Amino acid sequence: MSEMWNPILETMALDDLRAYQLDQFREQVEHAKDDSPFYAEKLSGISPDDITSLADVRELPTTTKDELREAQREGDGLYGDLLAEDAESVVSYHQTSGTTGRPVRQADSLPDWEWWTDSWATVLWAQGVRPDDRVFLPFSYSVFVAFWAAHAAAERIGAEVIPGGGMSSAQRVEKIETLDPTVVAVTPTYAFRLAEVAEQEGIDLAETAIETVVCAGEPGASVPSTKDELEALWGADVYDHAGATEAGAWGFACDGDTLGLHFNEARFLVEVLDGDDEPVGPGETGRLVVTPLNRSAQPYVRSELKDRIRLAEESCDCGRTFRVTDGGVLGREDEFRTINGTLLSPRAVEDVVHGYDPVTNEFRVRIEDHPEKDLDTLELRVEADGEYDYDADRIATELDKELKKRTHLSFDVDVSSPGTLDRNELKSDRFTDARTRRTQYEQ
């Protein structure tokens, strides 16, 4: 049995892969321009015949989420001017979470849904999911695409799927213990929550049948300290995955020696660009622009995802020719904060907190105006881990020292008792920017 879902595409020679991507991109542009009112206007004056190399791709404008919202607000019908097929072809409705604004509605046709399941099957197969696995999805799927697609992809592989909606966390832990699933797909936040509930119920998740934890929704599984902690709690291999409703499952970790994400370059044209819209090189960081290839009902061309990515300097040893990142998603551009002239990465704070054993994995950061000076203040709230005999002052001092080394910023650390901070099933909103003014340094 192959180690890859589609070994022909995943190991294609680079020149052939780039030629394949160029051909697919031109077809996507032609379809979007001819059939989507939004792109007919946006790409007016552009001919697919003018795109003769991947360098020409950068001559096309990018697409922002604000543009998508506006096109759906101003256009007719549920999907506005974004729809590129008759509404009768739509078989699946999903939407973005709306955390950064009005949700974008996503229409998918039957071929689109097959594309979704193939993309997700690539993720699951690379992370060891096989037909003899039993996959548990401990969520109510709602209108969000990720777990619907993961469910369908696991079935496409031939695995058995246990849907976990409509249950409490304790009931889900009980299902893990009694039904013996071998794979769980979950956000890192909820993986920690289930481990916490399991401990309260007297259940050691490391002793269950779970062998693989597939993470999605947050970059935690590519943060070394977070990944290590989850693997210890679950006694399982932990893998990361990245995607977006409007783009698809564009990135996945494999079982190679690289702590990063492969771009699924068979299904996506992925660009990592600097501030001048030029491609970054290995070891360099840029923003992510993604074009899903072969998407029909609601196509996108050069979608700005606002994710920050660093390209790895070396290839992965798994045999795939797909490019790989150095670590996972570093954060979203709108999540980074400039504090007193220094750029703060949420991921750096997470790595420090999750790597410091005397506290739990939950934390909150609050940014406020200094009461007397034209400066910003940083407060970090953490929970003491009861297993360690550390007083609050020691925890605060040691955490502030480590954070200062990593971020070059000083934190006012507040230490609470275990269970004080709220837990979430999906993504944790750990950063609050309560500043009412912006310093001269703020971008």
Protein backbone atom coordinates (compact mmCIF):
# COMPACT_ATOMS: atom_id res chain seq x y z
CA MET A 1 0.00 0.00 0.00
CA SER A 2 1.43 3.36 -1.04
CA GLU A 3 2.51 5.89 1.57
CA MET A 4 0.85 8.60 -0.53
CA TRP A 5 -2.76 9.18 -1.53
CA ASN A 6 -1.79 10.13 -5.08
CA PRO A 7 1.85 9.09 -5.57
CA ILE A 8 1.95 10.26 -9.20
CA LEU A 9 1.04 13.86 -8.35
CA GLU A 10 2.83 13.96 -5.00
CA THR A 11 6.18 12.84 -6.46
CA MET A 12 5.95 14.53 -9.85
CA ALA A 13 9.18 16.05 -11.15
CA LEU A 14 9.26 19.75 -10.31
CA ASP A 15 9.27 20.97 -13.92
CA ASP A 16 6.28 18.76 -14.70
CA LEU A 17 4.49 19.87 -11.52
CA ARG A 18 4.96 23.56 -12.33
CA ALA A 19 3.72 23.01 -15.90
CA TYR A 20 0.68 21.16 -14.53
CA GLN A 21 -0.06 23.98 -12.08
CA LEU A 22 0.26 26.62 -14.79
CA ASP A 23 -2.18 24.76 -17.03
CA GLN A 24 -4.67 24.30 -14.18
CA PHE A 25 -4.34 27.93 -13.11
CA ARG A 26 -5.08 29.19 -16.61
CA GLU A 27 -8.19 27.00 -16.74
CA GLN A 28 -9.31 28.35 -13.37
CA VAL A 29 -8.83 31.94 -14.51
CA GLU A 30 -10.75 31.30 -17.73
CA HIS A 31 -13.66 29.71 -15.85
CA ALA A 32 -13.78 32.44 -13.20
CA LYS A 33 -13.63 35.27 -15.74
CA ASP A 34 -16.21 33.74 -18.09
CA ASP A 35 -18.74 32.55 -15.51
CA SER A 36 -18.41 34.58 -12.29
CA PRO A 37 -19.79 38.16 -12.44
CA PHE A 38 -17.34 39.16 -9.72
CA TYR A 39 -14.30 37.93 -11.62
CA ALA A 40 -15.64 39.08 -14.99
CA GLU A 41 -15.21 42.61 -13.67
CA LYS A 42 -12.11 42.01 -11.55
CA LEU A 43 -10.18 40.26 -14.35
CA SER A 44 -11.42 42.41 -17.23
CA GLY A 45 -8.61 43.08 -19.67
CA ILE A 46 -6.78 39.90 -18.64
CA SER A 47 -6.60 36.94 -20.99
CA PRO A 48 -5.55 33.45 -19.87
CA ASP A 49 -3.45 33.33 -23.03
CA ASP A 50 -1.27 36.08 -21.56
CA ILE A 51 -0.31 33.82 -18.63
CA THR A 52 2.64 31.96 -20.11
CA SER A 53 4.65 31.34 -16.92
CA LEU A 54 4.08 31.21 -13.18
CA ALA A 55 5.79 34.60 -12.95
CA ASP A 56 2.88 36.02 -14.97
CA VAL A 57 0.49 34.95 -12.21
CA ARG A 58 1.62 37.93 -10.14
CA GLU A 59 0.28 40.28 -12.80
CA LEU A 60 -3.25 39.33 -11.71
CA PRO A 61 -4.83 41.10 -8.73
CA THR A 62 -5.28 39.25 -5.46
CA THR A 63 -8.70 38.66 -3.89
CA THR A 64 -9.44 39.77 -0.32
CA LYS A 65 -12.12 38.52 2.02
CA ASP A 66 -13.59 42.02 2.20
CA GLU A 67 -14.14 41.87 -1.57
CA LEU A 68 -15.92 38.53 -1.19
CA ARG A 69 -18.20 39.93 1.51
CA GLU A 70 -19.04 42.94 -0.63
CA ALA A 71 -19.74 40.77 -3.70
CA GLN A 72 -22.21 38.69 -1.70
CA ARG A 73 -23.81 41.72 -0.08
CA GLU A 74 -24.31 43.60 -3.35
CA GLY A 75 -25.10 40.69 -5.67
CA ASP A 76 -28.28 38.69 -6.14
CA GLY A 77 -29.15 35.46 -4.40
CA LEU A 78 -27.45 33.67 -1.54
CA TYR A 79 -23.96 33.76 -3.05
CA GLY A 80 -24.12 37.11 -4.84
CA ASP A 81 -21.77 37.73 -7.73
CA LEU A 82 -19.36 34.97 -6.71
CA LEU A 83 -21.34 32.06 -8.14
CA ALA A 84 -19.93 30.73 -11.41
CA GLU A 85 -22.49 27.98 -12.06
CA ASP A 86 -26.26 27.70 -11.96
CA ALA A 87 -27.58 27.61 -8.41
CA GLU A 88 -29.10 24.20 -9.18
CA SER A 89 -25.60 22.69 -9.29
CA VAL A 90 -24.90 23.61 -5.66
CA VAL A 91 -25.11 20.60 -3.34
CA SER A 92 -23.32 21.92 -0.25
CA TYR A 93 -23.48 25.13 1.79
CA HIS A 94 -20.82 26.20 4.27
CA GLN A 95 -19.55 29.52 5.55
CA THR A 96 -16.51 31.10 7.15
CA SER A 97 -16.49 31.58 10.91
CA GLY A 98 -17.00 35.34 10.74
CA THR A 99 -14.33 36.07 13.34
CA THR A 100 -12.95 38.94 11.22
CA GLY A 101 -16.23 40.20 9.78
CA ARG A 102 -19.43 39.08 8.11
CA PRO A 103 -19.23 35.35 7.17
CA VAL A 104 -18.56 34.49 3.53
CA ARG A 105 -21.02 31.91 2.19
CA GLN A 106 -19.44 29.07 0.26
CA ALA A 107 -21.22 27.14 -2.51
CA ASP A 108 -19.87 23.78 -3.65
CA SER A 109 -21.08 21.57 -6.48
CA LEU A 110 -20.75 17.79 -6.51
CA PRO A 111 -17.38 17.97 -8.35
CA ASP A 112 -16.29 20.59 -5.79
CA TRP A 113 -17.18 18.25 -2.97
CA GLU A 114 -15.17 15.47 -4.60
CA TRP A 115 -12.30 17.97 -4.80
CA TRP A 116 -12.72 18.74 -1.10
CA THR A 117 -12.67 15.07 -0.09
CA ASP A 118 -9.65 14.38 -2.29
CA SER A 119 -7.77 17.29 -0.69
CA TRP A 120 -8.62 16.08 2.80
CA ALA A 121 -7.86 12.45 1.90
CA THR A 122 -4.37 13.63 0.95
CA VAL A 123 -4.05 15.08 4.46
CA LEU A 124 -5.33 12.01 6.29
CA TRP A 125 -3.40 9.50 4.20
CA ALA A 126 -0.13 11.41 4.71
CA GLN A 127 -0.76 11.20 8.45
CA GLY A 128 -1.23 7.46 8.45
CA VAL A 129 -5.01 7.04 8.23
CA ARG A 130 -5.88 3.80 6.45
CA PRO A 131 -9.01 1.72 5.67
CA ASP A 132 -8.65 -0.28 8.90
CA ASP A 133 -8.78 2.85 11.08
CA ARG A 134 -11.72 4.10 13.11
CA VAL A 135 -11.90 7.91 13.07
CA PHE A 136 -13.63 9.92 15.80
CA LEU A 137 -14.73 13.52 15.11
CA PRO A 138 -15.69 15.04 18.49
CA PHE A 139 -17.61 18.04 17.18
CA SER A 140 -20.99 19.25 16.09
CA TYR A 141 -20.06 20.08 12.50
CA SER A 142 -22.54 22.96 12.05
CA VAL A 143 -22.02 25.09 8.89
CA PHE A 144 -18.23 24.85 8.98
CA VAL A 145 -16.62 22.79 6.27
CA ALA A 146 -13.54 21.28 7.89
CA PHE A 147 -15.08 18.39 9.78
CA TRP A 148 -17.68 17.62 7.11
CA ALA A 149 -14.80 17.30 4.66
CA ALA A 150 -12.69 15.26 7.08
CA HIS A 151 -15.66 12.92 7.64
CA ALA A 152 -16.22 12.43 3.90
CA ALA A 153 -12.49 11.99 3.23
CA ALA A 154 -12.13 9.32 5.92
CA GLU A 155 -15.05 7.44 4.36
CA ARG A 156 -13.46 7.84 0.93
CA ILE A 157 -10.29 6.24 2.27
CA GLY A 158 -12.41 3.40 3.59
CA ALA A 159 -12.06 4.14 7.30
CA GLU A 160 -14.93 3.86 9.76
CA VAL A 161 -16.15 7.23 11.05
CA ILE A 162 -17.74 8.01 14.41
CA PRO A 163 -19.44 11.46 14.45
CA GLY A 164 -19.23 13.06 17.88
CA GLY A 165 -21.78 15.88 17.72
CA GLY A 166 -24.42 16.45 20.37
CA MET A 167 -22.25 15.15 23.22
CA SER A 168 -20.60 16.69 26.24
CA SER A 169 -16.84 16.50 26.57
CA ALA A 170 -17.21 13.77 29.19
CA GLN A 171 -19.40 11.74 26.85
CA ARG A 172 -16.85 12.11 24.07
CA VAL A 173 -14.08 10.88 26.35
CA GLU A 174 -16.28 7.90 27.22
CA LYS A 175 -16.70 7.13 23.50
CA ILE A 176 -12.94 7.25 23.03
CA GLU A 177 -12.53 4.75 25.86
CA THR A 178 -15.32 2.35 24.87
CA LEU A 179 -15.43 2.49 21.05
CA ASP A 180 -11.65 2.28 20.55
CA PRO A 181 -11.18 4.83 17.75
CA THR A 182 -7.62 4.92 16.47
CA VAL A 183 -7.73 8.45 15.04
CA VAL A 184 -9.20 11.68 16.39
CA ALA A 185 -9.48 14.92 14.39
CA VAL A 186 -9.66 17.95 16.64
CA THR A 187 -8.46 21.50 17.23
CA PRO A 188 -5.40 21.74 19.51
CA THR A 189 -7.49 23.71 21.99
CA TYR A 190 -10.07 20.96 22.26
CA ALA A 191 -7.43 18.23 22.34
CA PHE A 192 -6.17 19.81 25.55
CA ARG A 193 -9.72 20.15 26.87
CA LEU A 194 -10.51 16.47 26.25
CA ALA A 195 -7.28 15.49 28.01
CA GLU A 196 -8.28 17.65 30.97
CA VAL A 197 -11.77 16.11 31.15
CA ALA A 198 -10.32 12.61 30.77
CA GLU A 199 -8.06 13.20 33.76
CA GLN A 200 -11.06 14.37 35.79
CA GLU A 201 -12.87 11.17 34.80
CA GLY A 202 -9.90 9.02 35.78
CA ILE A 203 -9.12 8.08 32.16
CA ASP A 204 -5.61 8.15 30.70
CA LEU A 205 -5.94 8.99 27.01
CA ALA A 206 -2.43 7.64 26.43
CA GLU A 207 -3.78 4.19 27.34
CA THR A 208 -6.65 4.30 24.83
CA ALA A 209 -6.56 3.01 21.24
CA ILE A 210 -5.85 6.47 19.79
CA GLU A 211 -2.70 6.35 17.66
CA THR A 212 -3.08 9.52 15.59
CA VAL A 213 -4.32 13.02 16.45
CA VAL A 214 -5.09 15.15 13.38
CA CYS A 215 -5.19 18.83 14.29
CA ALA A 216 -6.89 21.62 12.39
CA GLY A 217 -8.15 25.16 12.92
CA GLU A 218 -5.13 26.48 14.83
CA PRO A 219 -1.36 26.33 14.32
CA GLY A 220 -0.65 24.66 17.67
CA ALA A 221 0.34 21.23 16.36
CA SER A 222 3.31 22.82 14.57
CA VAL A 223 4.46 24.64 17.70
CA PRO A 224 7.13 22.31 19.16
CA SER A 225 6.14 22.64 22.82
CA THR A 226 2.43 22.26 22.03
CA LYS A 227 3.01 19.23 19.81
CA ASP A 228 5.22 17.56 22.44
CA GLU A 229 2.66 18.15 25.19
CA LEU A 230 -0.23 16.81 23.11
CA GLU A 231 1.74 13.71 22.11
CA ALA A 232 2.51 13.02 25.77
CA LEU A 233 -1.12 13.52 26.86
CA TRP A 234 -2.58 11.35 24.09
CA GLY A 235 0.25 8.84 23.70
CA ALA A 236 -0.15 9.33 19.96
CA ASP A 237 1.42 10.98 16.92
CA VAL A 238 0.14 14.54 16.47
CA TYR A 239 -0.07 16.12 13.02
CA ASP A 240 -0.96 19.58 11.78
CA HIS A 241 -3.12 20.64 8.86
CA ALA A 242 -4.00 24.05 7.46
CA GLY A 243 -6.85 25.26 5.31
CA ALA A 244 -9.60 27.81 4.85
CA THR A 245 -13.21 27.66 3.73
CA GLU A 246 -12.56 29.81 0.70
CA ALA A 247 -9.31 28.02 -0.20
CA GLY A 248 -9.50 24.42 0.98
CA ALA A 249 -7.09 22.07 2.76
CA TRP A 250 -3.93 23.54 1.27
CA GLY A 251 -1.33 22.29 3.79
CA PHE A 252 -0.54 19.13 5.71
CA ALA A 253 2.14 17.62 7.90
CA CYS A 254 3.46 14.16 7.05
CA ASP A 255 5.44 11.53 8.94
CA GLY A 256 8.76 12.82 7.60
CA ASP A 257 11.49 14.49 9.63
CA THR A 258 10.33 18.06 8.98
CA LEU A 259 8.19 19.96 11.48
CA GLY A 260 6.31 21.83 8.80
CA LEU A 261 3.47 21.68 6.30
CA HIS A 262 3.59 20.48 2.73
CA PHE A 263 1.67 22.61 0.26
CA ASN A 264 -0.76 20.36 -1.62
CA GLU A 265 0.56 21.62 -4.94
CA ALA A 266 -1.52 19.16 -6.95
CA ARG A 267 -4.71 20.96 -5.90
CA PHE A 268 -3.48 24.50 -5.14
CA LEU A 269 -1.22 27.15 -6.55
CA VAL A 270 0.46 28.52 -3.44
CA GLU A 271 2.43 31.76 -3.39
CA VAL A 272 4.45 33.08 -0.45
CA LEU A 273 5.11 36.76 -1.08
CA ASP A 274 7.03 39.58 0.55
CA GLY A 275 5.82 43.15 1.01
CA ASP A 276 6.65 43.96 -2.61
CA ASP A 277 4.61 40.99 -3.88
CA GLU A 278 7.76 39.09 -4.83
CA PRO A 279 8.24 35.41 -3.97
CA VAL A 280 10.30 34.76 -0.84
CA GLY A 281 13.12 32.24 -0.84
CA PRO A 282 13.94 29.31 1.45
CA GLY A 283 14.27 30.43 5.05
CA GLU A 284 12.33 33.62 4.38
CA THR A 285 8.90 34.64 5.66
CA GLY A 286 6.00 35.99 3.66
CA ARG A 287 2.24 36.10 3.37
CA LEU A 288 0.19 33.32 1.82
CA VAL A 289 -1.77 33.74 -1.42
CA VAL A 290 -3.64 30.62 -2.58
CA THR A 291 -5.55 29.69 -5.71
CA PRO A 292 -7.59 26.47 -5.38
CA LEU A 293 -7.38 24.62 -8.70
CA ASN A 294 -10.34 22.83 -10.32
CA ARG A 295 -12.96 24.55 -8.16
CA SER A 296 -16.11 25.25 -10.14
CA ALA A 297 -19.22 26.60 -8.35
CA GLN A 298 -17.49 29.41 -6.46
CA PRO A 299 -13.94 29.76 -7.79
CA TYR A 300 -11.23 31.94 -6.33
CA VAL A 301 -8.16 33.45 -7.97
CA ARG A 302 -5.21 34.48 -5.81
CA SER A 303 -6.99 34.52 -2.47
CA GLU A 304 -5.28 36.54 0.27
CA LEU A 305 -5.43 34.31 3.36
CA LYS A 306 -3.33 36.65 5.55
CA ASP A 307 -1.38 33.70 6.95
CA ARG A 308 2.32 34.20 7.62
CA ILE A 309 4.58 31.38 6.39
CA ARG A 310 8.31 30.67 6.45
CA LEU A 311 9.62 28.42 3.70
CA ALA A 312 11.89 25.58 4.82
CA GLU A 313 15.49 25.63 3.67
CA GLU A 314 15.55 21.88 3.05
CA SER A 315 13.13 19.45 1.46
CA CYS A 316 11.31 16.77 3.45
CA ASP A 317 12.65 13.20 3.40
CA CYS A 318 9.20 11.72 2.72
CA GLY A 319 9.71 11.73 -1.05
CA ARG A 320 7.11 14.35 -1.94
CA THR A 321 8.21 17.10 -4.29
CA PHE A 322 5.72 19.53 -2.77
CA ARG A 323 7.35 22.50 -1.03
CA VAL A 324 7.33 22.49 2.75
CA THR A 325 7.17 25.23 5.37
CA ASP A 326 9.49 25.75 8.31
CA GLY A 327 6.99 25.03 11.05
CA GLY A 328 3.32 25.59 10.43
CA VAL A 329 1.39 28.83 10.05
CA LEU A 330 3.26 31.46 12.04
CA GLY A 331 0.07 33.44 12.54
CA ARG A 332 -2.31 35.65 10.63
CA GLU A 333 -1.17 39.09 9.61
CA ASP A 334 -4.09 40.59 11.53
CA GLU A 335 -3.07 38.64 14.67
CA PHE A 336 0.41 40.14 14.93
CA ARG A 337 0.58 43.21 17.14
CA THR A 338 3.13 46.00 17.28
CA ILE A 339 3.89 46.65 20.95
CA ASN A 340 6.07 49.67 21.69
CA GLY A 341 7.73 49.27 18.31
CA THR A 342 8.22 45.48 18.56
CA LEU A 343 6.19 42.97 16.56
CA LEU A 344 4.58 40.37 18.84
CA SER A 345 3.77 36.92 17.47
CA PRO A 346 0.98 34.99 19.24
CA ARG A 347 2.80 31.77 18.39
CA ALA A 348 5.90 32.84 20.33
CA VAL A 349 3.82 33.35 23.48
CA GLU A 350 2.12 29.97 23.01
CA ASP A 351 5.46 28.20 22.59
CA VAL A 352 6.79 29.70 25.84
CA VAL A 353 3.66 29.00 27.90
CA HIS A 354 3.21 25.45 26.61
CA GLY A 355 6.89 24.74 27.20
CA TYR A 356 6.72 25.82 30.86
CA ASP A 357 5.51 22.86 32.91
CA PRO A 358 4.37 24.64 36.11
CA VAL A 359 1.36 26.16 34.28
CA THR A 360 -1.52 24.65 32.31
CA ASN A 361 -1.82 25.15 28.56
CA GLU A 362 -4.52 27.84 28.89
CA PHE A 363 -3.49 31.49 28.79
CA ARG A 364 -4.79 34.93 27.86
CA VAL A 365 -2.94 38.05 26.73
CA ARG A 366 -4.39 41.52 27.13
CA ILE A 367 -2.84 44.63 25.58
CA GLU A 368 -3.77 48.00 27.09
CA ASP A 369 -2.69 51.63 27.11
CA HIS A 370 -0.18 52.56 29.79
CA PRO A 371 -2.09 54.73 32.29
CA GLU A 372 0.58 57.47 32.35
CA LYS A 373 2.87 57.08 29.34
CA ASP A 374 2.41 56.85 25.59
CA LEU A 375 3.27 53.16 25.77
CA ASP A 376 1.52 49.80 25.71
CA THR A 377 1.27 47.28 28.54
CA LEU A 378 1.06 43.49 28.25
CA GLU A 379 -0.75 41.30 30.75
CA LEU A 380 -0.45 37.51 30.58
CA ARG A 381 -2.93 35.41 32.58
CA VAL A 382 -1.97 31.79 33.20
CA GLU A 383 -3.11 28.97 35.46
CA ALA A 384 -0.77 27.25 37.91
CA ASP A 385 -0.50 23.49 37.48
CA GLY A 386 -1.31 21.96 40.85
CA GLU A 387 1.24 19.18 40.39
CA TYR A 388 4.12 21.65 40.82
CA ASP A 389 5.02 23.27 44.13
CA TYR A 390 5.76 26.66 42.59
CA ASP A 391 4.40 29.86 44.13
CA ALA A 392 2.81 32.53 41.95
CA ASP A 393 5.74 34.94 42.24
CA ARG A 394 8.22 32.34 41.00
CA ILE A 395 6.00 31.41 38.06
CA ALA A 396 5.48 35.06 37.12
CA THR A 397 9.19 35.86 37.33
CA GLU A 398 10.32 32.84 35.31
CA LEU A 399 7.67 33.26 32.63
CA ASP A 400 8.40 36.96 32.21
CA LYS A 401 12.12 36.20 31.90
CA GLU A 402 11.57 33.56 29.21
CA LEU A 403 9.06 35.70 27.33
CA LYS A 404 11.45 38.63 27.37
CA LYS A 405 14.14 36.42 25.80
CA ARG A 406 11.76 35.24 23.06
CA THR A 407 9.78 38.41 22.31
CA HIS A 408 11.97 41.27 23.66
CA LEU A 409 8.91 42.49 25.56
CA SER A 410 8.01 42.60 29.24
CA PHE A 411 4.81 40.98 30.53
CA ASP A 412 2.84 41.54 33.72
CA VAL A 413 2.12 37.89 34.57
CA ASP A 414 -0.99 37.07 36.61
CA VAL A 415 -1.14 33.51 37.97
CA SER A 416 -4.56 31.99 38.68
CA SER A 417 -5.67 28.63 40.03
CA PRO A 418 -6.38 25.72 37.64
CA GLY A 419 -9.73 25.92 35.82
CA THR A 420 -10.05 29.70 36.10
CA LEU A 421 -9.85 30.44 32.38
CA ASP A 422 -12.66 29.45 30.04
CA ARG A 423 -12.22 26.40 27.80
CA ASN A 424 -13.31 26.21 24.16
CA GLU A 425 -14.10 23.39 21.76
CA LEU A 426 -13.00 25.21 18.63
CA LYS A 427 -10.42 27.97 18.36
CA SER A 428 -9.28 29.83 21.45
CA ASP A 429 -9.37 33.62 21.29
CA ARG A 430 -6.41 34.21 23.57
CA PHE A 431 -5.44 37.77 22.61
CA THR A 432 -7.38 40.94 23.44
CA ASP A 433 -6.20 44.32 22.20
CA ALA A 434 -7.95 46.86 24.42
CA ARG A 435 -5.86 49.87 23.43
CA THR A 436 -7.82 53.02 22.70
CA ARG A 437 -4.87 54.86 21.20
CA ARG A 438 -1.98 53.80 19.01
CA THR A 439 1.58 54.78 19.74
CA GLN A 440 3.80 56.36 17.14
CA TYR A 441 5.16 52.87 16.40
CA GLU A 442 1.84 51.17 15.73
CA GLN A 443 1.29 50.03 12.16
